[in-house]
Amino acid sequence: MSNPEQPSPVAPHATVKPLFGGCWSCRLLSGGALLVSGGYVGMHARRAVRHGGPASMGTVLQMMFAAGLAAWGIVVIFDPVGKKTRTA
């Protein structure tokens, strides 16, 4: 049974500084670079398949890596971590 006059035993959470300090231009520049990198890697993977070559395991991994780069770029730009507040 807790007394409403006593403070809660839960310690306040430490604030976490964002990776890029909340700098919109930094997130846009680095996220855009990751998106362009993913497009470049994906373009070369598709070029190998388009020339009539079979889709080897290396080509599939290259496409997956390109998708990962692009997804990472989107995450950096929109920065979804910390946007949602916890309610107790």
PDB file of N, CA and C in Angstrom:
ATOM      1  N   MET A   1       0.839  -1.162   0.000  1.00  0.00           N
ATOM      2  CA  MET A   1       0.000   0.000   0.000  1.00  0.00           C
ATOM      3  C   MET A   1       0.893   1.236   0.000  1.00  0.00           C
ATOM      4  N   SER A   2       0.764   2.004  -1.020  1.00  0.00           N
ATOM      5  CA  SER A   2       1.618   3.180  -1.118  1.00  0.00           C
ATOM      6  C   SER A   2       0.875   4.412  -0.616  1.00  0.00           C
ATOM      7  N   ASN A   3       1.623   5.268  -0.005  1.00  0.00           N
ATOM      8  CA  ASN A   3       1.093   6.516   0.508  1.00  0.00           C
ATOM      9  C   ASN A   3       1.226   7.559  -0.599  1.00  0.00           C
ATOM     10  N   PRO A   4       0.165   8.290  -0.961  1.00  0.00           N
ATOM     11  CA  PRO A   4       0.274   9.265  -2.047  1.00  0.00           C
ATOM     12  C   PRO A   4       1.196  10.434  -1.716  1.00  0.00           C
ATOM     13  N   GLU A   5       1.533  10.613  -0.447  1.00  0.00           N
ATOM     14  CA  GLU A   5       2.399  11.717  -0.072  1.00  0.00           C
ATOM     15  C   GLU A   5       3.880  11.388  -0.266  1.00  0.00           C
ATOM     16  N   GLN A   6       4.209  10.102  -0.307  1.00  0.00           N
ATOM     17  CA  GLN A   6       5.604   9.702  -0.470  1.00  0.00           C
ATOM     18  C   GLN A   6       5.949   9.646  -1.948  1.00  0.00           C
ATOM     19  N   PRO A   7       7.182  10.017  -2.295  1.00  0.00           N
ATOM     20  CA  PRO A   7       7.584   9.953  -3.701  1.00  0.00           C
ATOM     21  C   PRO A   7       7.695   8.500  -4.168  1.00  0.00           C
ATOM     22  N   SER A   8       7.540   8.321  -5.427  1.00  0.00           N
ATOM     23  CA  SER A   8       7.611   6.997  -6.030  1.00  0.00           C
ATOM     24  C   SER A   8       9.045   6.480  -5.982  1.00  0.00           C
ATOM     25  N   PRO A   9       9.243   5.176  -5.742  1.00  0.00           N
ATOM     26  CA  PRO A   9      10.606   4.635  -5.688  1.00  0.00           C
ATOM     27  C   PRO A   9      11.262   4.521  -7.062  1.00  0.00           C
ATOM     28  N   VAL A  10      10.528   4.809  -8.118  1.00  0.00           N
ATOM     29  CA  VAL A  10      11.069   4.701  -9.467  1.00  0.00           C
ATOM     30  C   VAL A  10      11.939   5.918  -9.760  1.00  0.00           C
ATOM     31  N   ALA A  11      13.166   5.668 -10.176  1.00  0.00           N
ATOM     32  CA  ALA A  11      14.085   6.768 -10.494  1.00  0.00           C
ATOM     33  C   ALA A  11      13.738   7.342 -11.861  1.00  0.00           C
ATOM     34  N   PRO A  12      13.940   8.630 -12.065  1.00  0.00           N
ATOM     35  CA  PRO A  12      13.664   9.210 -13.387  1.00  0.00           C
ATOM     36  C   PRO A  12      14.648   8.658 -14.423  1.00  0.00           C
ATOM     37  N   HIS A  13      14.171   8.512 -15.642  1.00  0.00           N
ATOM     38  CA  HIS A  13      15.006   7.993 -16.715  1.00  0.00           C
ATOM     39  C   HIS A  13      15.987   9.059 -17.191  1.00  0.00           C
ATOM     40  N   ALA A  14      17.179   8.611 -17.497  1.00  0.00           N
ATOM     41  CA  ALA A  14      18.171   9.528 -18.050  1.00  0.00           C
ATOM     42  C   ALA A  14      17.800   9.822 -19.501  1.00  0.00           C
ATOM     43  N   THR A  15      17.954  11.060 -19.893  1.00  0.00           N
ATOM     44  CA  THR A  15      17.636  11.415 -21.270  1.00  0.00           C
ATOM     45  C   THR A  15      18.767  10.952 -22.178  1.00  0.00           C
ATOM     46  N   VAL A  16      18.406  10.370 -23.302  1.00  0.00           N
ATOM     47  CA  VAL A  16      19.376   9.870 -24.255  1.00  0.00           C
ATOM     48  C   VAL A  16      19.491  10.869 -25.390  1.00  0.00           C
ATOM     49  N   LYS A  17      20.698  11.322 -25.656  1.00  0.00           N
ATOM     50  CA  LYS A  17      20.925  12.283 -26.731  1.00  0.00           C
ATOM     51  C   LYS A  17      20.848  11.551 -28.072  1.00  0.00           C
ATOM     52  N   PRO A  18      20.117  12.078 -29.051  1.00  0.00           N
ATOM     53  CA  PRO A  18      20.040  11.434 -30.360  1.00  0.00           C
ATOM     54  C   PRO A  18      21.423  11.313 -31.003  1.00  0.00           C
ATOM     55  N   LEU A  19      21.549  10.351 -31.896  1.00  0.00           N
ATOM     56  CA  LEU A  19      22.832  10.068 -32.534  1.00  0.00           C
ATOM     57  C   LEU A  19      23.392  11.290 -33.250  1.00  0.00           C
ATOM     58  N   PHE A  20      22.578  12.003 -33.990  1.00  0.00           N
ATOM     59  CA  PHE A  20      23.032  13.171 -34.734  1.00  0.00           C
ATOM     60  C   PHE A  20      22.662  14.470 -34.023  1.00  0.00           C
ATOM     61  N   GLY A  21      22.300  14.381 -32.756  1.00  0.00           N
ATOM     62  CA  GLY A  21      21.982  15.568 -31.989  1.00  0.00           C
ATOM     63  C   GLY A  21      20.696  16.251 -32.414  1.00  0.00           C
ATOM     64  N   GLY A  22      19.833  15.564 -33.126  1.00  0.00           N
ATOM     65  CA  GLY A  22      18.593  16.175 -33.577  1.00  0.00           C
ATOM     66  C   GLY A  22      18.785  17.103 -34.766  1.00  0.00           C
ATOM     67  N   CYS A  23      19.920  17.053 -35.404  1.00  0.00           N
ATOM     68  CA  CYS A  23      20.238  17.930 -36.528  1.00  0.00           C
ATOM     69  C   CYS A  23      19.551  17.390 -37.791  1.00  0.00           C
ATOM     70  N   TRP A  24      18.553  18.111 -38.274  1.00  0.00           N
ATOM     71  CA  TRP A  24      17.778  17.651 -39.427  1.00  0.00           C
ATOM     72  C   TRP A  24      18.648  17.539 -40.676  1.00  0.00           C
ATOM     73  N   SER A  25      19.520  18.514 -40.925  1.00  0.00           N
ATOM     74  CA  SER A  25      20.344  18.472 -42.135  1.00  0.00           C
ATOM     75  C   SER A  25      21.348  17.314 -42.082  1.00  0.00           C
ATOM     76  N   CYS A  26      21.847  16.994 -40.895  1.00  0.00           N
ATOM     77  CA  CYS A  26      22.776  15.860 -40.763  1.00  0.00           C
ATOM     78  C   CYS A  26      22.062  14.548 -41.072  1.00  0.00           C
ATOM     79  N   ARG A  27      20.847  14.400 -40.526  1.00  0.00           N
ATOM     80  CA  ARG A  27      20.086  13.172 -40.785  1.00  0.00           C
ATOM     81  C   ARG A  27      19.715  13.068 -42.252  1.00  0.00           C
ATOM     82  N   LEU A  28      19.331  14.183 -42.865  1.00  0.00           N
ATOM     83  CA  LEU A  28      18.944  14.172 -44.265  1.00  0.00           C
ATOM     84  C   LEU A  28      20.131  13.840 -45.174  1.00  0.00           C
ATOM     85  N   LEU A  29      21.284  14.418 -44.886  1.00  0.00           N
ATOM     86  CA  LEU A  29      22.472  14.174 -45.699  1.00  0.00           C
ATOM     87  C   LEU A  29      22.952  12.733 -45.577  1.00  0.00           C
ATOM     88  N   SER A  30      23.091  12.234 -44.359  1.00  0.00           N
ATOM     89  CA  SER A  30      23.597  10.873 -44.191  1.00  0.00           C
ATOM     90  C   SER A  30      22.563   9.838 -44.618  1.00  0.00           C
ATOM     91  N   GLY A  31      21.283  10.069 -44.322  1.00  0.00           N
ATOM     92  CA  GLY A  31      20.244   9.144 -44.766  1.00  0.00           C
ATOM     93  C   GLY A  31      20.110   9.128 -46.271  1.00  0.00           C
ATOM     94  N   GLY A  32      20.226  10.300 -46.901  1.00  0.00           N
ATOM     95  CA  GLY A  32      20.182  10.360 -48.364  1.00  0.00           C
ATOM     96  C   GLY A  32      21.364   9.643 -48.994  1.00  0.00           C
ATOM     97  N   ALA A  33      22.543   9.764 -48.376  1.00  0.00           N
ATOM     98  CA  ALA A  33      23.717   9.064 -48.882  1.00  0.00           C
ATOM     99  C   ALA A  33      23.537   7.551 -48.787  1.00  0.00           C
ATOM    100  N   LEU A  34      22.928   7.078 -47.694  1.00  0.00           N
ATOM    101  CA  LEU A  34      22.663   5.642 -47.567  1.00  0.00           C
ATOM    102  C   LEU A  34      21.636   5.180 -48.597  1.00  0.00           C
ATOM    103  N   LEU A  35      20.610   5.996 -48.855  1.00  0.00           N
ATOM    104  CA  LEU A  35      19.620   5.638 -49.879  1.00  0.00           C
ATOM    105  C   LEU A  35      20.254   5.559 -51.265  1.00  0.00           C
ATOM    106  N   VAL A  36      21.091   6.527 -51.586  1.00  0.00           N
ATOM    107  CA  VAL A  36      21.760   6.525 -52.892  1.00  0.00           C
ATOM    108  C   VAL A  36      22.709   5.334 -52.994  1.00  0.00           C
ATOM    109  N   SER A  37      23.406   5.013 -51.899  1.00  0.00           N
ATOM    110  CA  SER A  37      24.301   3.855 -51.902  1.00  0.00           C
ATOM    111  C   SER A  37      23.529   2.567 -52.137  1.00  0.00           C
ATOM    112  N   GLY A  38      22.378   2.443 -51.488  1.00  0.00           N
ATOM    113  CA  GLY A  38      21.545   1.264 -51.703  1.00  0.00           C
ATOM    114  C   GLY A  38      21.063   1.174 -53.138  1.00  0.00           C
ATOM    115  N   GLY A  39      20.700   2.306 -53.729  1.00  0.00           N
ATOM    116  CA  GLY A  39      20.289   2.309 -55.133  1.00  0.00           C
ATOM    117  C   GLY A  39      21.418   1.921 -56.070  1.00  0.00           C
ATOM    118  N   TYR A  40      22.623   2.390 -55.771  1.00  0.00           N
ATOM    119  CA  TYR A  40      23.791   2.074 -56.603  1.00  0.00           C
ATOM    120  C   TYR A  40      24.128   0.583 -56.545  1.00  0.00           C
ATOM    121  N   VAL A  41      24.137   0.034 -55.339  1.00  0.00           N
ATOM    122  CA  VAL A  41      24.432  -1.395 -55.189  1.00  0.00           C
ATOM    123  C   VAL A  41      23.330  -2.226 -55.842  1.00  0.00           C
ATOM    124  N   GLY A  42      22.082  -1.828 -55.645  1.00  0.00           N
ATOM    125  CA  GLY A  42      20.970  -2.560 -56.256  1.00  0.00           C
ATOM    126  C   GLY A  42      20.972  -2.474 -57.769  1.00  0.00           C
ATOM    127  N   MET A  43      21.395  -1.326 -58.309  1.00  0.00           N
ATOM    128  CA  MET A  43      21.466  -1.169 -59.762  1.00  0.00           C
ATOM    129  C   MET A  43      22.471  -2.148 -60.368  1.00  0.00           C
ATOM    130  N   HIS A  44      23.611  -2.309 -59.710  1.00  0.00           N
ATOM    131  CA  HIS A  44      24.607  -3.231 -60.233  1.00  0.00           C
ATOM    132  C   HIS A  44      24.168  -4.687 -60.096  1.00  0.00           C
ATOM    133  N   ALA A  45      23.428  -4.997 -59.067  1.00  0.00           N
ATOM    134  CA  ALA A  45      22.901  -6.356 -58.920  1.00  0.00           C
ATOM    135  C   ALA A  45      21.867  -6.646 -60.004  1.00  0.00           C
ATOM    136  N   ARG A  46      21.010  -5.689 -60.287  1.00  0.00           N
ATOM    137  CA  ARG A  46      20.001  -5.895 -61.337  1.00  0.00           C
ATOM    138  C   ARG A  46      20.634  -5.952 -62.712  1.00  0.00           C
ATOM    139  N   ARG A  47      21.727  -5.210 -62.913  1.00  0.00           N
ATOM    140  CA  ARG A  47      22.396  -5.216 -64.208  1.00  0.00           C
ATOM    141  C   ARG A  47      22.923  -6.613 -64.541  1.00  0.00           C
ATOM    142  N   ALA A  48      23.444  -7.322 -63.539  1.00  0.00           N
ATOM    143  CA  ALA A  48      23.949  -8.680 -63.756  1.00  0.00           C
ATOM    144  C   ALA A  48      22.816  -9.620 -64.149  1.00  0.00           C
ATOM    145  N   VAL A  49      21.660  -9.456 -63.566  1.00  0.00           N
ATOM    146  CA  VAL A  49      20.514 -10.315 -63.884  1.00  0.00           C
ATOM    147  C   VAL A  49      19.923  -9.922 -65.234  1.00  0.00           C
ATOM    148  N   ARG A  50      19.907  -8.645 -65.545  1.00  0.00           N
ATOM    149  CA  ARG A  50      19.312  -8.165 -66.790  1.00  0.00           C
ATOM    150  C   ARG A  50      20.079  -8.623 -68.024  1.00  0.00           C
ATOM    151  N   HIS A  51      21.371  -8.837 -67.901  1.00  0.00           N
ATOM    152  CA  HIS A  51      22.175  -9.263 -69.041  1.00  0.00           C
ATOM    153  C   HIS A  51      22.056 -10.755 -69.316  1.00  0.00           C
ATOM    154  N   GLY A  52      21.122 -11.387 -68.697  1.00  0.00           N
ATOM    155  CA  GLY A  52      20.862 -12.787 -68.998  1.00  0.00           C
ATOM    156  C   GLY A  52      21.563 -13.755 -68.072  1.00  0.00           C
ATOM    157  N   GLY A  53      22.289 -13.254 -67.114  1.00  0.00           N
ATOM    158  CA  GLY A  53      22.954 -14.136 -66.172  1.00  0.00           C
ATOM    159  C   GLY A  53      21.975 -14.677 -65.153  1.00  0.00           C
ATOM    160  N   PRO A  54      22.234 -15.854 -64.651  1.00  0.00           N
ATOM    161  CA  PRO A  54      21.343 -16.409 -63.625  1.00  0.00           C
ATOM    162  C   PRO A  54      21.516 -15.662 -62.306  1.00  0.00           C
ATOM    163  N   ALA A  55      20.483 -15.657 -61.537  1.00  0.00           N
ATOM    164  CA  ALA A  55      20.548 -14.986 -60.232  1.00  0.00           C
ATOM    165  C   ALA A  55      21.270 -15.902 -59.258  1.00  0.00           C
ATOM    166  N   SER A  56      22.553 -15.680 -59.096  1.00  0.00           N
ATOM    167  CA  SER A  56      23.345 -16.508 -58.187  1.00  0.00           C
ATOM    168  C   SER A  56      23.108 -16.066 -56.742  1.00  0.00           C
ATOM    169  N   MET A  57      23.687 -16.826 -55.833  1.00  0.00           N
ATOM    170  CA  MET A  57      23.549 -16.489 -54.426  1.00  0.00           C
ATOM    171  C   MET A  57      24.223 -15.145 -54.125  1.00  0.00           C
ATOM    172  N   GLY A  58      25.317 -14.849 -54.780  1.00  0.00           N
ATOM    173  CA  GLY A  58      25.997 -13.573 -54.591  1.00  0.00           C
ATOM    174  C   GLY A  58      25.141 -12.398 -55.038  1.00  0.00           C
ATOM    175  N   THR A  59      24.428 -12.576 -56.151  1.00  0.00           N
ATOM    176  CA  THR A  59      23.553 -11.516 -56.645  1.00  0.00           C
ATOM    177  C   THR A  59      22.386 -11.287 -55.693  1.00  0.00           C
ATOM    178  N   VAL A  60      21.846 -12.365 -55.168  1.00  0.00           N
ATOM    179  CA  VAL A  60      20.743 -12.248 -54.210  1.00  0.00           C
ATOM    180  C   VAL A  60      21.222 -11.554 -52.938  1.00  0.00           C
ATOM    181  N   LEU A  61      22.411 -11.907 -52.454  1.00  0.00           N
ATOM    182  CA  LEU A  61      22.960 -11.243 -51.277  1.00  0.00           C
ATOM    183  C   LEU A  61      23.234  -9.767 -51.545  1.00  0.00           C
ATOM    184  N   GLN A  62      23.671  -9.460 -52.755  1.00  0.00           N
ATOM    185  CA  GLN A  62      23.917  -8.066 -53.118  1.00  0.00           C
ATOM    186  C   GLN A  62      22.608  -7.270 -53.115  1.00  0.00           C
ATOM    187  N   MET A  63      21.535  -7.868 -53.604  1.00  0.00           N
ATOM    188  CA  MET A  63      20.231  -7.203 -53.575  1.00  0.00           C
ATOM    189  C   MET A  63      19.731  -7.015 -52.144  1.00  0.00           C
ATOM    190  N   MET A  64      19.965  -8.013 -51.302  1.00  0.00           N
ATOM    191  CA  MET A  64      19.551  -7.905 -49.903  1.00  0.00           C
ATOM    192  C   MET A  64      20.354  -6.808 -49.188  1.00  0.00           C
ATOM    193  N   PHE A  65      21.643  -6.723 -49.501  1.00  0.00           N
ATOM    194  CA  PHE A  65      22.478  -5.686 -48.909  1.00  0.00           C
ATOM    195  C   PHE A  65      22.009  -4.303 -49.352  1.00  0.00           C
ATOM    196  N   ALA A  66      21.632  -4.184 -50.625  1.00  0.00           N
ATOM    197  CA  ALA A  66      21.126  -2.905 -51.136  1.00  0.00           C
ATOM    198  C   ALA A  66      19.829  -2.519 -50.430  1.00  0.00           C
ATOM    199  N   ALA A  67      18.951  -3.487 -50.214  1.00  0.00           N
ATOM    200  CA  ALA A  67      17.700  -3.206 -49.502  1.00  0.00           C
ATOM    201  C   ALA A  67      17.981  -2.796 -48.058  1.00  0.00           C
ATOM    202  N   GLY A  68      18.974  -3.420 -47.439  1.00  0.00           N
ATOM    203  CA  GLY A  68      19.348  -3.061 -46.078  1.00  0.00           C
ATOM    204  C   GLY A  68      19.907  -1.650 -45.992  1.00  0.00           C
ATOM    205  N   LEU A  69      20.736  -1.272 -46.954  1.00  0.00           N
ATOM    206  CA  LEU A  69      21.265   0.095 -46.986  1.00  0.00           C
ATOM    207  C   LEU A  69      20.145   1.115 -47.136  1.00  0.00           C
ATOM    208  N   ALA A  70      19.210   0.823 -48.028  1.00  0.00           N
ATOM    209  CA  ALA A  70      18.095   1.744 -48.250  1.00  0.00           C
ATOM    210  C   ALA A  70      17.224   1.849 -46.997  1.00  0.00           C
ATOM    211  N   ALA A  71      16.964   0.726 -46.344  1.00  0.00           N
ATOM    212  CA  ALA A  71      16.157   0.748 -45.123  1.00  0.00           C
ATOM    213  C   ALA A  71      16.869   1.516 -44.016  1.00  0.00           C
ATOM    214  N   TRP A  72      18.172   1.348 -43.918  1.00  0.00           N
ATOM    215  CA  TRP A  72      18.952   2.073 -42.918  1.00  0.00           C
ATOM    216  C   TRP A  72      18.889   3.580 -43.186  1.00  0.00           C
ATOM    217  N   GLY A  73      18.935   3.955 -44.467  1.00  0.00           N
ATOM    218  CA  GLY A  73      18.815   5.368 -44.819  1.00  0.00           C
ATOM    219  C   GLY A  73      17.483   5.952 -44.405  1.00  0.00           C
ATOM    220  N   ILE A  74      16.410   5.203 -44.603  1.00  0.00           N
ATOM    221  CA  ILE A  74      15.082   5.670 -44.213  1.00  0.00           C
ATOM    222  C   ILE A  74      14.991   5.821 -42.698  1.00  0.00           C
ATOM    223  N   VAL A  75      15.577   4.870 -41.968  1.00  0.00           N
ATOM    224  CA  VAL A  75      15.555   4.946 -40.505  1.00  0.00           C
ATOM    225  C   VAL A  75      16.343   6.157 -40.018  1.00  0.00           C
ATOM    226  N   VAL A  76      17.468   6.442 -40.638  1.00  0.00           N
ATOM    227  CA  VAL A  76      18.266   7.599 -40.227  1.00  0.00           C
ATOM    228  C   VAL A  76      17.511   8.894 -40.504  1.00  0.00           C
ATOM    229  N   ILE A  77      16.844   8.978 -41.638  1.00  0.00           N
ATOM    230  CA  ILE A  77      16.131  10.206 -41.981  1.00  0.00           C
ATOM    231  C   ILE A  77      14.947  10.448 -41.048  1.00  0.00           C
ATOM    232  N   PHE A  78      14.125   9.439 -40.829  1.00  0.00           N
ATOM    233  CA  PHE A  78      12.908   9.637 -40.045  1.00  0.00           C
ATOM    234  C   PHE A  78      13.110   9.476 -38.548  1.00  0.00           C
ATOM    235  N   ASP A  79      14.197   8.835 -38.113  1.00  0.00           N
ATOM    236  CA  ASP A  79      14.580   8.694 -36.709  1.00  0.00           C
ATOM    237  C   ASP A  79      13.399   8.288 -35.834  1.00  0.00           C
ATOM    238  N   PRO A  80      12.875   7.054 -35.990  1.00  0.00           N
ATOM    239  CA  PRO A  80      11.697   6.662 -35.239  1.00  0.00           C
ATOM    240  C   PRO A  80      11.959   6.353 -33.764  1.00  0.00           C
ATOM    241  N   VAL A  81      13.210   6.201 -33.366  1.00  0.00           N
ATOM    242  CA  VAL A  81      13.528   5.853 -31.984  1.00  0.00           C
ATOM    243  C   VAL A  81      13.274   7.057 -31.091  1.00  0.00           C
ATOM    244  N   GLY A  82      12.532   6.842 -30.038  1.00  0.00           N
ATOM    245  CA  GLY A  82      12.283   7.902 -29.075  1.00  0.00           C
ATOM    246  C   GLY A  82      11.113   8.804 -29.418  1.00  0.00           C
ATOM    247  N   LYS A  83      10.451   8.589 -30.527  1.00  0.00           N
ATOM    248  CA  LYS A  83       9.306   9.436 -30.894  1.00  0.00           C
ATOM    249  C   LYS A  83       8.073   9.109 -30.048  1.00  0.00           C
ATOM    250  N   LYS A  84       7.943   7.856 -29.656  1.00  0.00           N
ATOM    251  CA  LYS A  84       6.776   7.431 -28.907  1.00  0.00           C
ATOM    252  C   LYS A  84       7.085   7.493 -27.412  1.00  0.00           C
ATOM    253  N   THR A  85       6.204   8.099 -26.656  1.00  0.00           N
ATOM    254  CA  THR A  85       6.428   8.182 -25.208  1.00  0.00           C
ATOM    255  C   THR A  85       5.728   7.039 -24.516  1.00  0.00           C
ATOM    256  N   ARG A  86       6.365   6.520 -23.485  1.00  0.00           N
ATOM    257  CA  ARG A  86       5.785   5.429 -22.712  1.00  0.00           C
ATOM    258  C   ARG A  86       4.769   5.979 -21.724  1.00  0.00           C
ATOM    259  N   THR A  87       3.673   5.285 -21.619  1.00  0.00           N
ATOM    260  CA  THR A  87       2.678   5.653 -20.613  1.00  0.00           C
ATOM    261  C   THR A  87       2.609   4.519 -19.599  1.00  0.00           C
ATOM    262  N   ALA A  88       2.608   4.880 -18.341  1.00  0.00           N
ATOM    263  CA  ALA A  88       2.586   3.858 -17.300  1.00  0.00           C
ATOM    264  C   ALA A  88       1.200   3.637 -16.790  1.00  0.00           C
TER     265      ALA A  88
END
